[in-house]
Amino acid sequence: MTKPVLESPCIKVCAVEGRTGYCIGCGRSLKEIGGWSQFSAEERTTIMEALPARMTTANPSEKLDTGT
């Protein structure tokens, strides 16, 4: 029996922005990232629905210093 695939917003760009406390890749907090597999489907859905607003409030120029 195979496990169902757990939906995740992770895009493998993992760094927490100090000002907001959210990952610059997916918008989740460290607590949300760490507990993701233990959350219920409803809890994950609620978090996923909040992510677009979190990501649009971040200043893209402050996300990563690429040195260019």
PDB file of N, CA and C in Angstrom:
ATOM      1  N   MET A   1       0.844  -1.176   0.000  1.00  0.00           N
ATOM      2  CA  MET A   1       0.000   0.000   0.000  1.00  0.00           C
ATOM      3  C   MET A   1       0.896   1.248   0.000  1.00  0.00           C
ATOM      4  N   THR A   2       0.646   2.180  -0.906  1.00  0.00           N
ATOM      5  CA  THR A   2       1.446   3.397  -0.984  1.00  0.00           C
ATOM      6  C   THR A   2       0.767   4.533  -0.238  1.00  0.00           C
ATOM      7  N   LYS A   3       1.601   5.426   0.302  1.00  0.00           N
ATOM      8  CA  LYS A   3       1.078   6.597   0.995  1.00  0.00           C
ATOM      9  C   LYS A   3       0.611   7.624  -0.031  1.00  0.00           C
ATOM     10  N   PRO A   4      -0.468   8.337   0.275  1.00  0.00           N
ATOM     11  CA  PRO A   4      -0.898   9.396  -0.643  1.00  0.00           C
ATOM     12  C   PRO A   4       0.124  10.531  -0.644  1.00  0.00           C
ATOM     13  N   VAL A   5       0.241  11.216  -1.766  1.00  0.00           N
ATOM     14  CA  VAL A   5       1.158  12.338  -1.873  1.00  0.00           C
ATOM     15  C   VAL A   5       0.593  13.496  -1.060  1.00  0.00           C
ATOM     16  N   LEU A   6       1.415  14.054  -0.200  1.00  0.00           N
ATOM     17  CA  LEU A   6       1.011  15.159   0.652  1.00  0.00           C
ATOM     18  C   LEU A   6       1.271  16.465  -0.084  1.00  0.00           C
ATOM     19  N   GLU A   7       0.224  17.218  -0.354  1.00  0.00           N
ATOM     20  CA  GLU A   7       0.363  18.491  -1.035  1.00  0.00           C
ATOM     21  C   GLU A   7       1.182  19.449  -0.174  1.00  0.00           C
ATOM     22  N   SER A   8       2.115  20.141  -0.810  1.00  0.00           N
ATOM     23  CA  SER A   8       2.972  21.078  -0.100  1.00  0.00           C
ATOM     24  C   SER A   8       3.270  22.269  -1.004  1.00  0.00           C
ATOM     25  N   PRO A   9       3.372  23.470  -0.404  1.00  0.00           N
ATOM     26  CA  PRO A   9       3.712  24.648  -1.205  1.00  0.00           C
ATOM     27  C   PRO A   9       5.220  24.820  -1.407  1.00  0.00           C
ATOM     28  N   CYS A  10       6.009  23.910  -0.862  1.00  0.00           N
ATOM     29  CA  CYS A  10       7.467  24.023  -0.925  1.00  0.00           C
ATOM     30  C   CYS A  10       7.952  24.034  -2.375  1.00  0.00           C
ATOM     31  N   ILE A  11       8.831  25.015  -2.677  1.00  0.00           N
ATOM     32  CA  ILE A  11       9.431  25.084  -4.011  1.00  0.00           C
ATOM     33  C   ILE A  11      10.947  24.903  -3.929  1.00  0.00           C
ATOM     34  N   LYS A  12      11.415  24.415  -2.781  1.00  0.00           N
ATOM     35  CA  LYS A  12      12.840  24.122  -2.549  1.00  0.00           C
ATOM     36  C   LYS A  12      13.708  25.381  -2.581  1.00  0.00           C
ATOM     37  N   VAL A  13      13.140  26.509  -2.189  1.00  0.00           N
ATOM     38  CA  VAL A  13      13.872  27.757  -1.979  1.00  0.00           C
ATOM     39  C   VAL A  13      13.622  28.085  -0.521  1.00  0.00           C
ATOM     40  N   CYS A  14      14.454  27.543   0.343  1.00  0.00           N
ATOM     41  CA  CYS A  14      14.184  27.576   1.777  1.00  0.00           C
ATOM     42  C   CYS A  14      15.094  28.534   2.521  1.00  0.00           C
ATOM     43  N   ALA A  15      14.521  29.655   2.906  1.00  0.00           N
ATOM     44  CA  ALA A  15      15.219  30.643   3.721  1.00  0.00           C
ATOM     45  C   ALA A  15      14.160  31.490   4.397  1.00  0.00           C
ATOM     46  N   VAL A  16      14.282  31.648   5.695  1.00  0.00           N
ATOM     47  CA  VAL A  16      13.289  32.428   6.431  1.00  0.00           C
ATOM     48  C   VAL A  16      13.725  33.882   6.469  1.00  0.00           C
ATOM     49  N   GLU A  17      12.820  34.748   6.070  1.00  0.00           N
ATOM     50  CA  GLU A  17      13.051  36.190   6.065  1.00  0.00           C
ATOM     51  C   GLU A  17      12.899  36.691   7.494  1.00  0.00           C
ATOM     52  N   GLY A  18      13.925  37.339   8.008  1.00  0.00           N
ATOM     53  CA  GLY A  18      13.951  37.746   9.409  1.00  0.00           C
ATOM     54  C   GLY A  18      12.855  38.713   9.811  1.00  0.00           C
ATOM     55  N   ARG A  19      12.470  39.600   8.918  1.00  0.00           N
ATOM     56  CA  ARG A  19      11.466  40.609   9.246  1.00  0.00           C
ATOM     57  C   ARG A  19      10.082  40.000   9.429  1.00  0.00           C
ATOM     58  N   THR A  20       9.711  39.075   8.549  1.00  0.00           N
ATOM     59  CA  THR A  20       8.366  38.495   8.590  1.00  0.00           C
ATOM     60  C   THR A  20       8.312  37.160   9.319  1.00  0.00           C
ATOM     61  N   GLY A  21       9.425  36.414   9.311  1.00  0.00           N
ATOM     62  CA  GLY A  21       9.435  35.077   9.888  1.00  0.00           C
ATOM     63  C   GLY A  21       8.887  34.017   8.946  1.00  0.00           C
ATOM     64  N   TYR A  22       8.685  34.397   7.686  1.00  0.00           N
ATOM     65  CA  TYR A  22       8.151  33.462   6.695  1.00  0.00           C
ATOM     66  C   TYR A  22       9.239  33.055   5.703  1.00  0.00           C
ATOM     67  N   CYS A  23       9.122  31.835   5.203  1.00  0.00           N
ATOM     68  CA  CYS A  23      10.026  31.337   4.180  1.00  0.00           C
ATOM     69  C   CYS A  23       9.840  32.168   2.909  1.00  0.00           C
ATOM     70  N   ILE A  24      10.948  32.573   2.282  1.00  0.00           N
ATOM     71  CA  ILE A  24      10.846  33.378   1.070  1.00  0.00           C
ATOM     72  C   ILE A  24      10.403  32.554  -0.135  1.00  0.00           C
ATOM     73  N   GLY A  25      10.484  31.234  -0.037  1.00  0.00           N
ATOM     74  CA  GLY A  25      10.068  30.384  -1.149  1.00  0.00           C
ATOM     75  C   GLY A  25       8.592  30.038  -1.127  1.00  0.00           C
ATOM     76  N   CYS A  26       8.072  29.715   0.061  1.00  0.00           N
ATOM     77  CA  CYS A  26       6.684  29.249   0.130  1.00  0.00           C
ATOM     78  C   CYS A  26       5.773  30.110   1.002  1.00  0.00           C
ATOM     79  N   GLY A  27       6.354  30.916   1.887  1.00  0.00           N
ATOM     80  CA  GLY A  27       5.535  31.782   2.733  1.00  0.00           C
ATOM     81  C   GLY A  27       5.126  31.195   4.068  1.00  0.00           C
ATOM     82  N   ARG A  28       5.564  29.964   4.361  1.00  0.00           N
ATOM     83  CA  ARG A  28       5.200  29.357   5.641  1.00  0.00           C
ATOM     84  C   ARG A  28       6.168  29.763   6.740  1.00  0.00           C
ATOM     85  N   SER A  29       5.688  29.696   7.984  1.00  0.00           N
ATOM     86  CA  SER A  29       6.546  29.931   9.138  1.00  0.00           C
ATOM     87  C   SER A  29       7.319  28.644   9.447  1.00  0.00           C
ATOM     88  N   LEU A  30       8.339  28.757  10.282  1.00  0.00           N
ATOM     89  CA  LEU A  30       9.090  27.557  10.669  1.00  0.00           C
ATOM     90  C   LEU A  30       8.185  26.543  11.364  1.00  0.00           C
ATOM     91  N   LYS A  31       7.268  27.019  12.194  1.00  0.00           N
ATOM     92  CA  LYS A  31       6.333  26.122  12.877  1.00  0.00           C
ATOM     93  C   LYS A  31       5.460  25.383  11.858  1.00  0.00           C
ATOM     94  N   GLU A  32       5.002  26.089  10.851  1.00  0.00           N
ATOM     95  CA  GLU A  32       4.162  25.466   9.814  1.00  0.00           C
ATOM     96  C   GLU A  32       4.961  24.471   8.985  1.00  0.00           C
ATOM     97  N   ILE A  33       6.195  24.821   8.649  1.00  0.00           N
ATOM     98  CA  ILE A  33       7.042  23.903   7.877  1.00  0.00           C
ATOM     99  C   ILE A  33       7.311  22.634   8.680  1.00  0.00           C
ATOM    100  N   GLY A  34       7.687  22.804   9.945  1.00  0.00           N
ATOM    101  CA  GLY A  34       8.019  21.661  10.795  1.00  0.00           C
ATOM    102  C   GLY A  34       6.850  20.746  11.086  1.00  0.00           C
ATOM    103  N   GLY A  35       5.665  21.307  11.198  1.00  0.00           N
ATOM    104  CA  GLY A  35       4.497  20.506  11.542  1.00  0.00           C
ATOM    105  C   GLY A  35       3.639  20.086  10.367  1.00  0.00           C
ATOM    106  N   TRP A  36       4.071  20.416   9.156  1.00  0.00           N
ATOM    107  CA  TRP A  36       3.245  20.225   7.963  1.00  0.00           C
ATOM    108  C   TRP A  36       2.657  18.820   7.847  1.00  0.00           C
ATOM    109  N   SER A  37       3.457  17.803   8.034  1.00  0.00           N
ATOM    110  CA  SER A  37       2.961  16.427   7.841  1.00  0.00           C
ATOM    111  C   SER A  37       2.018  15.981   8.956  1.00  0.00           C
ATOM    112  N   GLN A  38       2.027  16.673  10.091  1.00  0.00           N
ATOM    113  CA  GLN A  38       1.127  16.320  11.184  1.00  0.00           C
ATOM    114  C   GLN A  38      -0.188  17.103  11.146  1.00  0.00           C
ATOM    115  N   PHE A  39      -0.243  18.179  10.355  1.00  0.00           N
ATOM    116  CA  PHE A  39      -1.468  18.961  10.276  1.00  0.00           C
ATOM    117  C   PHE A  39      -2.553  18.196   9.536  1.00  0.00           C
ATOM    118  N   SER A  40      -3.788  18.492   9.893  1.00  0.00           N
ATOM    119  CA  SER A  40      -4.914  17.900   9.165  1.00  0.00           C
ATOM    120  C   SER A  40      -5.008  18.542   7.786  1.00  0.00           C
ATOM    121  N   ALA A  41      -5.749  17.920   6.896  1.00  0.00           N
ATOM    122  CA  ALA A  41      -5.957  18.473   5.558  1.00  0.00           C
ATOM    123  C   ALA A  41      -6.574  19.862   5.656  1.00  0.00           C
ATOM    124  N   GLU A  42      -7.478  20.048   6.609  1.00  0.00           N
ATOM    125  CA  GLU A  42      -8.135  21.348   6.779  1.00  0.00           C
ATOM    126  C   GLU A  42      -7.136  22.411   7.234  1.00  0.00           C
ATOM    127  N   GLU A  43      -6.239  22.038   8.152  1.00  0.00           N
ATOM    128  CA  GLU A  43      -5.222  22.981   8.617  1.00  0.00           C
ATOM    129  C   GLU A  43      -4.277  23.365   7.478  1.00  0.00           C
ATOM    130  N   ARG A  44      -3.864  22.378   6.691  1.00  0.00           N
ATOM    131  CA  ARG A  44      -2.984  22.672   5.557  1.00  0.00           C
ATOM    132  C   ARG A  44      -3.680  23.565   4.538  1.00  0.00           C
ATOM    133  N   THR A  45      -4.956  23.313   4.293  1.00  0.00           N
ATOM    134  CA  THR A  45      -5.719  24.136   3.348  1.00  0.00           C
ATOM    135  C   THR A  45      -5.806  25.577   3.838  1.00  0.00           C
ATOM    136  N   THR A  46      -6.064  25.765   5.121  1.00  0.00           N
ATOM    137  CA  THR A  46      -6.144  27.113   5.690  1.00  0.00           C
ATOM    138  C   THR A  46      -4.825  27.855   5.514  1.00  0.00           C
ATOM    139  N   ILE A  47      -3.720  27.166   5.785  1.00  0.00           N
ATOM    140  CA  ILE A  47      -2.405  27.786   5.620  1.00  0.00           C
ATOM    141  C   ILE A  47      -2.160  28.102   4.155  1.00  0.00           C
ATOM    142  N   MET A  48      -2.444  27.159   3.265  1.00  0.00           N
ATOM    143  CA  MET A  48      -2.226  27.356   1.828  1.00  0.00           C
ATOM    144  C   MET A  48      -3.006  28.571   1.319  1.00  0.00           C
ATOM    145  N   GLU A  49      -4.205  28.772   1.840  1.00  0.00           N
ATOM    146  CA  GLU A  49      -5.015  29.910   1.410  1.00  0.00           C
ATOM    147  C   GLU A  49      -4.417  31.244   1.861  1.00  0.00           C
ATOM    148  N   ALA A  50      -3.653  31.235   2.953  1.00  0.00           N
ATOM    149  CA  ALA A  50      -3.036  32.461   3.470  1.00  0.00           C
ATOM    150  C   ALA A  50      -1.732  32.807   2.752  1.00  0.00           C
ATOM    151  N   LEU A  51      -1.123  31.853   2.078  1.00  0.00           N
ATOM    152  CA  LEU A  51       0.202  32.062   1.505  1.00  0.00           C
ATOM    153  C   LEU A  51       0.278  33.149   0.431  1.00  0.00           C
ATOM    154  N   PRO A  52      -0.663  33.238  -0.506  1.00  0.00           N
ATOM    155  CA  PRO A  52      -0.534  34.295  -1.517  1.00  0.00           C
ATOM    156  C   PRO A  52      -0.460  35.698  -0.915  1.00  0.00           C
ATOM    157  N   ALA A  53      -1.257  35.977   0.095  1.00  0.00           N
ATOM    158  CA  ALA A  53      -1.218  37.296   0.735  1.00  0.00           C
ATOM    159  C   ALA A  53       0.115  37.513   1.431  1.00  0.00           C
ATOM    160  N   ARG A  54       0.645  36.482   2.073  1.00  0.00           N
ATOM    161  CA  ARG A  54       1.947  36.600   2.730  1.00  0.00           C
ATOM    162  C   ARG A  54       3.033  36.918   1.710  1.00  0.00           C
ATOM    163  N   MET A  55       2.982  36.249   0.584  1.00  0.00           N
ATOM    164  CA  MET A  55       4.024  36.406  -0.428  1.00  0.00           C
ATOM    165  C   MET A  55       3.944  37.770  -1.114  1.00  0.00           C
ATOM    166  N   THR A  56       2.756  38.335  -1.280  1.00  0.00           N
ATOM    167  CA  THR A  56       2.641  39.629  -1.948  1.00  0.00           C
ATOM    168  C   THR A  56       3.017  40.783  -1.044  1.00  0.00           C
ATOM    169  N   THR A  57       3.007  40.574   0.267  1.00  0.00           N
ATOM    170  CA  THR A  57       3.379  41.655   1.177  1.00  0.00           C
ATOM    171  C   THR A  57       4.882  41.734   1.381  1.00  0.00           C
ATOM    172  N   ALA A  58       5.595  40.713   0.978  1.00  0.00           N
ATOM    173  CA  ALA A  58       7.058  40.717   1.118  1.00  0.00           C
ATOM    174  C   ALA A  58       7.659  41.603   0.034  1.00  0.00           C
ATOM    175  N   ASN A  59       8.765  42.257   0.361  1.00  0.00           N
ATOM    176  CA  ASN A  59       9.464  43.097  -0.593  1.00  0.00           C
ATOM    177  C   ASN A  59      10.426  42.222  -1.386  1.00  0.00           C
ATOM    178  N   PRO A  60      10.161  41.995  -2.681  1.00  0.00           N
ATOM    179  CA  PRO A  60      11.017  41.095  -3.462  1.00  0.00           C
ATOM    180  C   PRO A  60      12.482  41.500  -3.465  1.00  0.00           C
ATOM    181  N   SER A  61      12.779  42.769  -3.391  1.00  0.00           N
ATOM    182  CA  SER A  61      14.182  43.196  -3.435  1.00  0.00           C
ATOM    183  C   SER A  61      14.919  42.818  -2.151  1.00  0.00           C
ATOM    184  N   GLU A  62      14.202  42.528  -1.089  1.00  0.00           N
ATOM    185  CA  GLU A  62      14.828  42.149   0.168  1.00  0.00           C
ATOM    186  C   GLU A  62      14.883  40.635   0.357  1.00  0.00           C
ATOM    187  N   LYS A  63      14.318  39.864  -0.573  1.00  0.00           N
ATOM    188  CA  LYS A  63      14.265  38.419  -0.409  1.00  0.00           C
ATOM    189  C   LYS A  63      15.640  37.774  -0.460  1.00  0.00           C
ATOM    190  N   LEU A  64      16.366  37.990  -1.527  1.00  0.00           N
ATOM    191  CA  LEU A  64      17.692  37.389  -1.673  1.00  0.00           C
ATOM    192  C   LEU A  64      18.664  38.396  -2.228  1.00  0.00           C
ATOM    193  N   ASP A  65      19.850  38.420  -1.705  1.00  0.00           N
ATOM    194  CA  ASP A  65      20.902  39.237  -2.270  1.00  0.00           C
ATOM    195  C   ASP A  65      21.691  38.329  -3.200  1.00  0.00           C
ATOM    196  N   THR A  66      21.522  38.514  -4.483  1.00  0.00           N
ATOM    197  CA  THR A  66      22.174  37.653  -5.461  1.00  0.00           C
ATOM    198  C   THR A  66      23.560  38.145  -5.838  1.00  0.00           C
ATOM    199  N   GLY A  67      23.946  39.317  -5.312  1.00  0.00           N
ATOM    200  CA  GLY A  67      25.270  39.832  -5.586  1.00  0.00           C
ATOM    201  C   GLY A  67      25.413  40.445  -6.962  1.00  0.00           C
ATOM    202  N   THR A  68      24.311  40.668  -7.655  1.00  0.00           N
ATOM    203  CA  THR A  68      24.403  41.266  -8.994  1.00  0.00           C
ATOM    204  C   THR A  68      24.081  42.731  -8.963  1.00  0.00           C
TER     205      THR A  68
END
